[in-house]
Amino acid sequence: MAHWRDGPRGAFGMGARHGAACLGCCWLLMALLFIGGVMNLGWIAGIAVFVAIEKLAPAGHWLSRAAGALLVAWGVATWLAA
């Protein structure tokens, strides 16, 4: 709301600004979703369910932290095994 602009041009500008901010912070996730979506629709559905639970559950922030820790541990284990 700090960058509110009236009219169609203002709406377009606000949308472009929001889209650029979203792309800037989430480009890697978008790339992973594109690659995963091309490969397997089931993975995309699973990620969508996970994100919905993460956003809607009362303790969703703990779920995201646990998933992050699990993925970091999995990455380290994979790296050490290579």
PDB file of N, CA and C in Angstrom:
ATOM      1  N   MET A   1       0.812  -1.192   0.000  1.00  0.00           N
ATOM      2  CA  MET A   1       0.000   0.000   0.000  1.00  0.00           C
ATOM      3  C   MET A   1       0.858   1.260   0.000  1.00  0.00           C
ATOM      4  N   ALA A   2       2.117   1.115   0.305  1.00  0.00           N
ATOM      5  CA  ALA A   2       2.988   2.293   0.318  1.00  0.00           C
ATOM      6  C   ALA A   2       3.249   2.818  -1.087  1.00  0.00           C
ATOM      7  N   HIS A   3       3.039   1.981  -2.095  1.00  0.00           N
ATOM      8  CA  HIS A   3       3.320   2.379  -3.481  1.00  0.00           C
ATOM      9  C   HIS A   3       2.031   2.416  -4.311  1.00  0.00           C
ATOM     10  N   TRP A   4       0.912   2.733  -3.678  1.00  0.00           N
ATOM     11  CA  TRP A   4      -0.384   2.724  -4.350  1.00  0.00           C
ATOM     12  C   TRP A   4      -0.446   3.751  -5.471  1.00  0.00           C
ATOM     13  N   ARG A   5      -0.975   3.333  -6.610  1.00  0.00           N
ATOM     14  CA  ARG A   5      -1.188   4.219  -7.742  1.00  0.00           C
ATOM     15  C   ARG A   5      -2.596   3.967  -8.277  1.00  0.00           C
ATOM     16  N   ASP A   6      -3.307   5.030  -8.628  1.00  0.00           N
ATOM     17  CA  ASP A   6      -4.675   4.911  -9.144  1.00  0.00           C
ATOM     18  C   ASP A   6      -4.672   4.610 -10.634  1.00  0.00           C
ATOM     19  N   GLY A   7      -5.766   4.042 -11.085  1.00  0.00           N
ATOM     20  CA  GLY A   7      -5.995   3.844 -12.508  1.00  0.00           C
ATOM     21  C   GLY A   7      -5.332   2.604 -13.075  1.00  0.00           C
ATOM     22  N   PRO A   8      -5.637   2.313 -14.332  1.00  0.00           N
ATOM     23  CA  PRO A   8      -5.074   1.124 -14.981  1.00  0.00           C
ATOM     24  C   PRO A   8      -3.548   1.154 -15.095  1.00  0.00           C
ATOM     25  N   ARG A   9      -2.991   2.311 -15.424  1.00  0.00           N
ATOM     26  CA  ARG A   9      -1.527   2.397 -15.505  1.00  0.00           C
ATOM     27  C   ARG A   9      -0.887   2.188 -14.146  1.00  0.00           C
ATOM     28  N   GLY A  10      -1.522   2.734 -13.108  1.00  0.00           N
ATOM     29  CA  GLY A  10      -1.005   2.540 -11.759  1.00  0.00           C
ATOM     30  C   GLY A  10      -1.070   1.081 -11.339  1.00  0.00           C
ATOM     31  N   ALA A  11      -2.197   0.417 -11.685  1.00  0.00           N
ATOM     32  CA  ALA A  11      -2.343  -1.005 -11.362  1.00  0.00           C
ATOM     33  C   ALA A  11      -1.291  -1.834 -12.077  1.00  0.00           C
ATOM     34  N   PHE A  12      -1.064  -1.496 -13.355  1.00  0.00           N
ATOM     35  CA  PHE A  12      -0.042  -2.220 -14.108  1.00  0.00           C
ATOM     36  C   PHE A  12       1.340  -2.012 -13.487  1.00  0.00           C
ATOM     37  N   GLY A  13       1.641  -0.785 -13.119  1.00  0.00           N
ATOM     38  CA  GLY A  13       2.936  -0.486 -12.499  1.00  0.00           C
ATOM     39  C   GLY A  13       3.117  -1.199 -11.168  1.00  0.00           C
ATOM     40  N   MET A  14       2.070  -1.212 -10.348  1.00  0.00           N
ATOM     41  CA  MET A  14       2.159  -1.908  -9.063  1.00  0.00           C
ATOM     42  C   MET A  14       2.337  -3.408  -9.280  1.00  0.00           C
ATOM     43  N   GLY A  15       1.615  -3.964 -10.273  1.00  0.00           N
ATOM     44  CA  GLY A  15       1.758  -5.386 -10.572  1.00  0.00           C
ATOM     45  C   GLY A  15       3.148  -5.723 -11.071  1.00  0.00           C
ATOM     46  N   ALA A  16       3.692  -4.859 -11.933  1.00  0.00           N
ATOM     47  CA  ALA A  16       5.044  -5.092 -12.443  1.00  0.00           C
ATOM     48  C   ALA A  16       6.072  -5.013 -11.314  1.00  0.00           C
ATOM     49  N   ARG A  17       5.889  -4.064 -10.422  1.00  0.00           N
ATOM     50  CA  ARG A  17       6.819  -3.923  -9.290  1.00  0.00           C
ATOM     51  C   ARG A  17       6.746  -5.147  -8.369  1.00  0.00           C
ATOM     52  N   HIS A  18       5.518  -5.597  -8.088  1.00  0.00           N
ATOM     53  CA  HIS A  18       5.340  -6.768  -7.239  1.00  0.00           C
ATOM     54  C   HIS A  18       5.909  -8.017  -7.921  1.00  0.00           C
ATOM     55  N   GLY A  19       5.651  -8.158  -9.223  1.00  0.00           N
ATOM     56  CA  GLY A  19       6.180  -9.296  -9.967  1.00  0.00           C
ATOM     57  C   GLY A  19       7.699  -9.327  -9.965  1.00  0.00           C
ATOM     58  N   ALA A  20       8.318  -8.161 -10.121  1.00  0.00           N
ATOM     59  CA  ALA A  20       9.785  -8.094 -10.102  1.00  0.00           C
ATOM     60  C   ALA A  20      10.330  -8.468  -8.730  1.00  0.00           C
ATOM     61  N   ALA A  21       9.663  -8.019  -7.670  1.00  0.00           N
ATOM     62  CA  ALA A  21      10.102  -8.376  -6.317  1.00  0.00           C
ATOM     63  C   ALA A  21       9.944  -9.871  -6.080  1.00  0.00           C
ATOM     64  N   CYS A  22       8.838 -10.433  -6.543  1.00  0.00           N
ATOM     65  CA  CYS A  22       8.585 -11.865  -6.384  1.00  0.00           C
ATOM     66  C   CYS A  22       9.613 -12.674  -7.169  1.00  0.00           C
ATOM     67  N   LEU A  23       9.880 -12.277  -8.385  1.00  0.00           N
ATOM     68  CA  LEU A  23      10.867 -12.965  -9.209  1.00  0.00           C
ATOM     69  C   LEU A  23      12.254 -12.852  -8.581  1.00  0.00           C
ATOM     70  N   GLY A  24      12.562 -11.694  -8.017  1.00  0.00           N
ATOM     71  CA  GLY A  24      13.865 -11.495  -7.394  1.00  0.00           C
ATOM     72  C   GLY A  24      14.100 -12.381  -6.193  1.00  0.00           C
ATOM     73  N   CYS A  25      13.066 -12.634  -5.412  1.00  0.00           N
ATOM     74  CA  CYS A  25      13.275 -13.436  -4.202  1.00  0.00           C
ATOM     75  C   CYS A  25      12.974 -14.910  -4.420  1.00  0.00           C
ATOM     76  N   CYS A  26      12.231 -15.253  -5.463  1.00  0.00           N
ATOM     77  CA  CYS A  26      11.784 -16.637  -5.627  1.00  0.00           C
ATOM     78  C   CYS A  26      12.215 -17.265  -6.947  1.00  0.00           C
ATOM     79  N   TRP A  27      13.197 -16.711  -7.633  1.00  0.00           N
ATOM     80  CA  TRP A  27      13.559 -17.212  -8.958  1.00  0.00           C
ATOM     81  C   TRP A  27      14.003 -18.660  -8.920  1.00  0.00           C
ATOM     82  N   LEU A  28      14.725 -19.069  -7.864  1.00  0.00           N
ATOM     83  CA  LEU A  28      15.202 -20.446  -7.801  1.00  0.00           C
ATOM     84  C   LEU A  28      14.038 -21.412  -7.610  1.00  0.00           C
ATOM     85  N   LEU A  29      13.098 -21.050  -6.738  1.00  0.00           N
ATOM     86  CA  LEU A  29      11.925 -21.896  -6.556  1.00  0.00           C
ATOM     87  C   LEU A  29      11.129 -22.002  -7.849  1.00  0.00           C
ATOM     88  N   MET A  30      10.985 -20.893  -8.552  1.00  0.00           N
ATOM     89  CA  MET A  30      10.269 -20.928  -9.830  1.00  0.00           C
ATOM     90  C   MET A  30      10.983 -21.831 -10.827  1.00  0.00           C
ATOM     91  N   ALA A  31      12.306 -21.776 -10.869  1.00  0.00           N
ATOM     92  CA  ALA A  31      13.063 -22.638 -11.775  1.00  0.00           C
ATOM     93  C   ALA A  31      12.881 -24.105 -11.400  1.00  0.00           C
ATOM     94  N   LEU A  32      12.926 -24.410 -10.101  1.00  0.00           N
ATOM     95  CA  LEU A  32      12.721 -25.787  -9.659  1.00  0.00           C
ATOM     96  C   LEU A  32      11.314 -26.270  -9.988  1.00  0.00           C
ATOM     97  N   LEU A  33      10.327 -25.407  -9.812  1.00  0.00           N
ATOM     98  CA  LEU A  33       8.963 -25.794 -10.144  1.00  0.00           C
ATOM     99  C   LEU A  33       8.817 -26.029 -11.648  1.00  0.00           C
ATOM    100  N   PHE A  34       9.469 -25.240 -12.450  1.00  0.00           N
ATOM    101  CA  PHE A  34       9.413 -25.447 -13.893  1.00  0.00           C
ATOM    102  C   PHE A  34      10.046 -26.778 -14.266  1.00  0.00           C
ATOM    103  N   ILE A  35      11.226 -27.037 -13.736  1.00  0.00           N
ATOM    104  CA  ILE A  35      11.921 -28.286 -14.047  1.00  0.00           C
ATOM    105  C   ILE A  35      11.126 -29.479 -13.520  1.00  0.00           C
ATOM    106  N   GLY A  36      10.654 -29.382 -12.283  1.00  0.00           N
ATOM    107  CA  GLY A  36       9.863 -30.467 -11.714  1.00  0.00           C
ATOM    108  C   GLY A  36       8.544 -30.661 -12.435  1.00  0.00           C
ATOM    109  N   GLY A  37       7.920 -29.570 -12.846  1.00  0.00           N
ATOM    110  CA  GLY A  37       6.648 -29.658 -13.548  1.00  0.00           C
ATOM    111  C   GLY A  37       6.781 -30.293 -14.907  1.00  0.00           C
ATOM    112  N   VAL A  38       7.896 -30.034 -15.563  1.00  0.00           N
ATOM    113  CA  VAL A  38       8.139 -30.655 -16.855  1.00  0.00           C
ATOM    114  C   VAL A  38       8.392 -32.146 -16.660  1.00  0.00           C
ATOM    115  N   MET A  39       9.022 -32.484 -15.564  1.00  0.00           N
ATOM    116  CA  MET A  39       9.374 -33.876 -15.325  1.00  0.00           C
ATOM    117  C   MET A  39       8.228 -34.697 -14.735  1.00  0.00           C
ATOM    118  N   ASN A  40       7.514 -34.141 -13.738  1.00  0.00           N
ATOM    119  CA  ASN A  40       6.530 -34.955 -13.043  1.00  0.00           C
ATOM    120  C   ASN A  40       5.482 -34.058 -12.389  1.00  0.00           C
ATOM    121  N   LEU A  41       4.249 -34.186 -12.807  1.00  0.00           N
ATOM    122  CA  LEU A  41       3.162 -33.389 -12.249  1.00  0.00           C
ATOM    123  C   LEU A  41       2.877 -33.761 -10.798  1.00  0.00           C
ATOM    124  N   GLY A  42       3.167 -34.999 -10.424  1.00  0.00           N
ATOM    125  CA  GLY A  42       2.966 -35.444  -9.037  1.00  0.00           C
ATOM    126  C   GLY A  42       3.831 -34.671  -8.051  1.00  0.00           C
ATOM    127  N   TRP A  43       5.083 -34.371  -8.448  1.00  0.00           N
ATOM    128  CA  TRP A  43       5.967 -33.590  -7.592  1.00  0.00           C
ATOM    129  C   TRP A  43       5.410 -32.185  -7.372  1.00  0.00           C
ATOM    130  N   ILE A  44       4.872 -31.600  -8.422  1.00  0.00           N
ATOM    131  CA  ILE A  44       4.319 -30.256  -8.307  1.00  0.00           C
ATOM    132  C   ILE A  44       3.110 -30.272  -7.390  1.00  0.00           C
ATOM    133  N   ALA A  45       2.275 -31.280  -7.517  1.00  0.00           N
ATOM    134  CA  ALA A  45       1.106 -31.399  -6.633  1.00  0.00           C
ATOM    135  C   ALA A  45       1.554 -31.576  -5.179  1.00  0.00           C
ATOM    136  N   GLY A  46       2.592 -32.381  -4.968  1.00  0.00           N
ATOM    137  CA  GLY A  46       3.110 -32.582  -3.610  1.00  0.00           C
ATOM    138  C   GLY A  46       3.672 -31.300  -3.015  1.00  0.00           C
ATOM    139  N   ILE A  47       4.397 -30.539  -3.821  1.00  0.00           N
ATOM    140  CA  ILE A  47       4.942 -29.261  -3.352  1.00  0.00           C
ATOM    141  C   ILE A  47       3.814 -28.290  -3.042  1.00  0.00           C
ATOM    142  N   ALA A  48       2.783 -28.285  -3.875  1.00  0.00           N
ATOM    143  CA  ALA A  48       1.645 -27.397  -3.638  1.00  0.00           C
ATOM    144  C   ALA A  48       0.942 -27.739  -2.335  1.00  0.00           C
ATOM    145  N   VAL A  49       0.776 -29.027  -2.055  1.00  0.00           N
ATOM    146  CA  VAL A  49       0.148 -29.451  -0.791  1.00  0.00           C
ATOM    147  C   VAL A  49       1.032 -29.037   0.383  1.00  0.00           C
ATOM    148  N   PHE A  50       2.339 -29.245   0.262  1.00  0.00           N
ATOM    149  CA  PHE A  50       3.258 -28.859   1.337  1.00  0.00           C
ATOM    150  C   PHE A  50       3.187 -27.359   1.610  1.00  0.00           C
ATOM    151  N   VAL A  51       3.204 -26.551   0.562  1.00  0.00           N
ATOM    152  CA  VAL A  51       3.147 -25.096   0.727  1.00  0.00           C
ATOM    153  C   VAL A  51       1.819 -24.686   1.351  1.00  0.00           C
ATOM    154  N   ALA A  52       0.720 -25.321   0.944  1.00  0.00           N
ATOM    155  CA  ALA A  52      -0.588 -25.004   1.523  1.00  0.00           C
ATOM    156  C   ALA A  52      -0.612 -25.326   3.011  1.00  0.00           C
ATOM    157  N   ILE A  53      -0.085 -26.486   3.381  1.00  0.00           N
ATOM    158  CA  ILE A  53      -0.035 -26.847   4.805  1.00  0.00           C
ATOM    159  C   ILE A  53       0.860 -25.877   5.564  1.00  0.00           C
ATOM    160  N   GLU A  54       2.002 -25.547   4.968  1.00  0.00           N
ATOM    161  CA  GLU A  54       2.943 -24.621   5.592  1.00  0.00           C
ATOM    162  C   GLU A  54       2.292 -23.262   5.845  1.00  0.00           C
ATOM    163  N   LYS A  55       1.481 -22.787   4.902  1.00  0.00           N
ATOM    164  CA  LYS A  55       0.855 -21.473   5.027  1.00  0.00           C
ATOM    165  C   LYS A  55      -0.384 -21.487   5.909  1.00  0.00           C
ATOM    166  N   LEU A  56      -1.139 -22.579   5.911  1.00  0.00           N
ATOM    167  CA  LEU A  56      -2.434 -22.599   6.588  1.00  0.00           C
ATOM    168  C   LEU A  56      -2.416 -23.229   7.976  1.00  0.00           C
ATOM    169  N   ALA A  57      -1.472 -24.102   8.245  1.00  0.00           N
ATOM    170  CA  ALA A  57      -1.424 -24.760   9.558  1.00  0.00           C
ATOM    171  C   ALA A  57      -0.980 -23.770  10.633  1.00  0.00           C
ATOM    172  N   PRO A  58      -1.526 -23.914  11.832  1.00  0.00           N
ATOM    173  CA  PRO A  58      -1.126 -22.998  12.918  1.00  0.00           C
ATOM    174  C   PRO A  58       0.374 -23.038  13.226  1.00  0.00           C
ATOM    175  N   ALA A  59       0.992 -24.183  13.097  1.00  0.00           N
ATOM    176  CA  ALA A  59       2.429 -24.302  13.373  1.00  0.00           C
ATOM    177  C   ALA A  59       3.202 -24.526  12.083  1.00  0.00           C
ATOM    178  N   GLY A  60       2.765 -23.915  10.994  1.00  0.00           N
ATOM    179  CA  GLY A  60       3.399 -24.100   9.698  1.00  0.00           C
ATOM    180  C   GLY A  60       4.837 -23.650   9.656  1.00  0.00           C
ATOM    181  N   HIS A  61       5.180 -22.634  10.441  1.00  0.00           N
ATOM    182  CA  HIS A  61       6.567 -22.161  10.438  1.00  0.00           C
ATOM    183  C   HIS A  61       7.514 -23.228  10.982  1.00  0.00           C
ATOM    184  N   TRP A  62       7.036 -24.059  11.890  1.00  0.00           N
ATOM    185  CA  TRP A  62       7.870 -25.147  12.403  1.00  0.00           C
ATOM    186  C   TRP A  62       8.040 -26.233  11.347  1.00  0.00           C
ATOM    187  N   LEU A  63       6.998 -26.456  10.567  1.00  0.00           N
ATOM    188  CA  LEU A  63       7.085 -27.427   9.480  1.00  0.00           C
ATOM    189  C   LEU A  63       8.127 -26.990   8.454  1.00  0.00           C
ATOM    190  N   SER A  64       8.128 -25.714   8.109  1.00  0.00           N
ATOM    191  CA  SER A  64       9.095 -25.234   7.117  1.00  0.00           C
ATOM    192  C   SER A  64      10.519 -25.306   7.662  1.00  0.00           C
ATOM    193  N   ARG A  65      10.699 -25.032   8.939  1.00  0.00           N
ATOM    194  CA  ARG A  65      12.043 -25.131   9.528  1.00  0.00           C
ATOM    195  C   ARG A  65      12.511 -26.582   9.572  1.00  0.00           C
ATOM    196  N   ALA A  66      11.616 -27.490   9.931  1.00  0.00           N
ATOM    197  CA  ALA A  66      11.974 -28.906   9.965  1.00  0.00           C
ATOM    198  C   ALA A  66      12.302 -29.411   8.564  1.00  0.00           C
ATOM    199  N   ALA A  67      11.519 -29.018   7.578  1.00  0.00           N
ATOM    200  CA  ALA A  67      11.789 -29.423   6.201  1.00  0.00           C
ATOM    201  C   ALA A  67      13.117 -28.854   5.725  1.00  0.00           C
ATOM    202  N   GLY A  68      13.408 -27.611   6.076  1.00  0.00           N
ATOM    203  CA  GLY A  68      14.686 -27.004   5.704  1.00  0.00           C
ATOM    204  C   GLY A  68      15.863 -27.743   6.323  1.00  0.00           C
ATOM    205  N   ALA A  69      15.744 -28.084   7.613  1.00  0.00           N
ATOM    206  CA  ALA A  69      16.816 -28.817   8.290  1.00  0.00           C
ATOM    207  C   ALA A  69      16.999 -30.199   7.670  1.00  0.00           C
ATOM    208  N   LEU A  70      15.883 -30.846   7.334  1.00  0.00           N
ATOM    209  CA  LEU A  70      15.962 -32.161   6.698  1.00  0.00           C
ATOM    210  C   LEU A  70      16.639 -32.076   5.335  1.00  0.00           C
ATOM    211  N   LEU A  71      16.298 -31.073   4.551  1.00  0.00           N
ATOM    212  CA  LEU A  71      16.905 -30.922   3.231  1.00  0.00           C
ATOM    213  C   LEU A  71      18.392 -30.580   3.318  1.00  0.00           C
ATOM    214  N   VAL A  72      18.771 -29.768   4.311  1.00  0.00           N
ATOM    215  CA  VAL A  72      20.193 -29.462   4.498  1.00  0.00           C
ATOM    216  C   VAL A  72      20.946 -30.728   4.889  1.00  0.00           C
ATOM    217  N   ALA A  73      20.391 -31.514   5.804  1.00  0.00           N
ATOM    218  CA  ALA A  73      21.033 -32.767   6.221  1.00  0.00           C
ATOM    219  C   ALA A  73      21.152 -33.738   5.047  1.00  0.00           C
ATOM    220  N   TRP A  74      20.110 -33.810   4.235  1.00  0.00           N
ATOM    221  CA  TRP A  74      20.131 -34.679   3.058  1.00  0.00           C
ATOM    222  C   TRP A  74      21.205 -34.203   2.073  1.00  0.00           C
ATOM    223  N   GLY A  75      21.308 -32.906   1.877  1.00  0.00           N
ATOM    224  CA  GLY A  75      22.328 -32.369   0.980  1.00  0.00           C
ATOM    225  C   GLY A  75      23.740 -32.653   1.468  1.00  0.00           C
ATOM    226  N   VAL A  76      23.964 -32.485   2.772  1.00  0.00           N
ATOM    227  CA  VAL A  76      25.286 -32.767   3.341  1.00  0.00           C
ATOM    228  C   VAL A  76      25.604 -34.241   3.211  1.00  0.00           C
ATOM    229  N   ALA A  77      24.633 -35.115   3.498  1.00  0.00           N
ATOM    230  CA  ALA A  77      24.855 -36.543   3.379  1.00  0.00           C
ATOM    231  C   ALA A  77      25.162 -36.941   1.936  1.00  0.00           C
ATOM    232  N   THR A  78      24.464 -36.334   0.990  1.00  0.00           N
ATOM    233  CA  THR A  78      24.714 -36.618  -0.415  1.00  0.00           C
ATOM    234  C   THR A  78      26.099 -36.134  -0.827  1.00  0.00           C
ATOM    235  N   TRP A  79      26.467 -34.960  -0.354  1.00  0.00           N
ATOM    236  CA  TRP A  79      27.774 -34.396  -0.659  1.00  0.00           C
ATOM    237  C   TRP A  79      28.904 -35.282  -0.093  1.00  0.00           C
ATOM    238  N   LEU A  80      28.727 -35.745   1.150  1.00  0.00           N
ATOM    239  CA  LEU A  80      29.757 -36.584   1.776  1.00  0.00           C
ATOM    240  C   LEU A  80      29.838 -37.955   1.133  1.00  0.00           C
ATOM    241  N   ALA A  81      28.739 -38.437   0.600  1.00  0.00           N
ATOM    242  CA  ALA A  81      28.721 -39.749  -0.016  1.00  0.00           C
ATOM    243  C   ALA A  81      29.361 -39.726  -1.418  1.00  0.00           C
ATOM    244  N   ALA A  82      29.451 -38.555  -1.997  1.00  0.00           N
ATOM    245  CA  ALA A  82      29.978 -38.462  -3.369  1.00  0.00           C
ATOM    246  C   ALA A  82      31.477 -38.561  -3.419  1.00  0.00           C
TER     247      ALA A  82
END
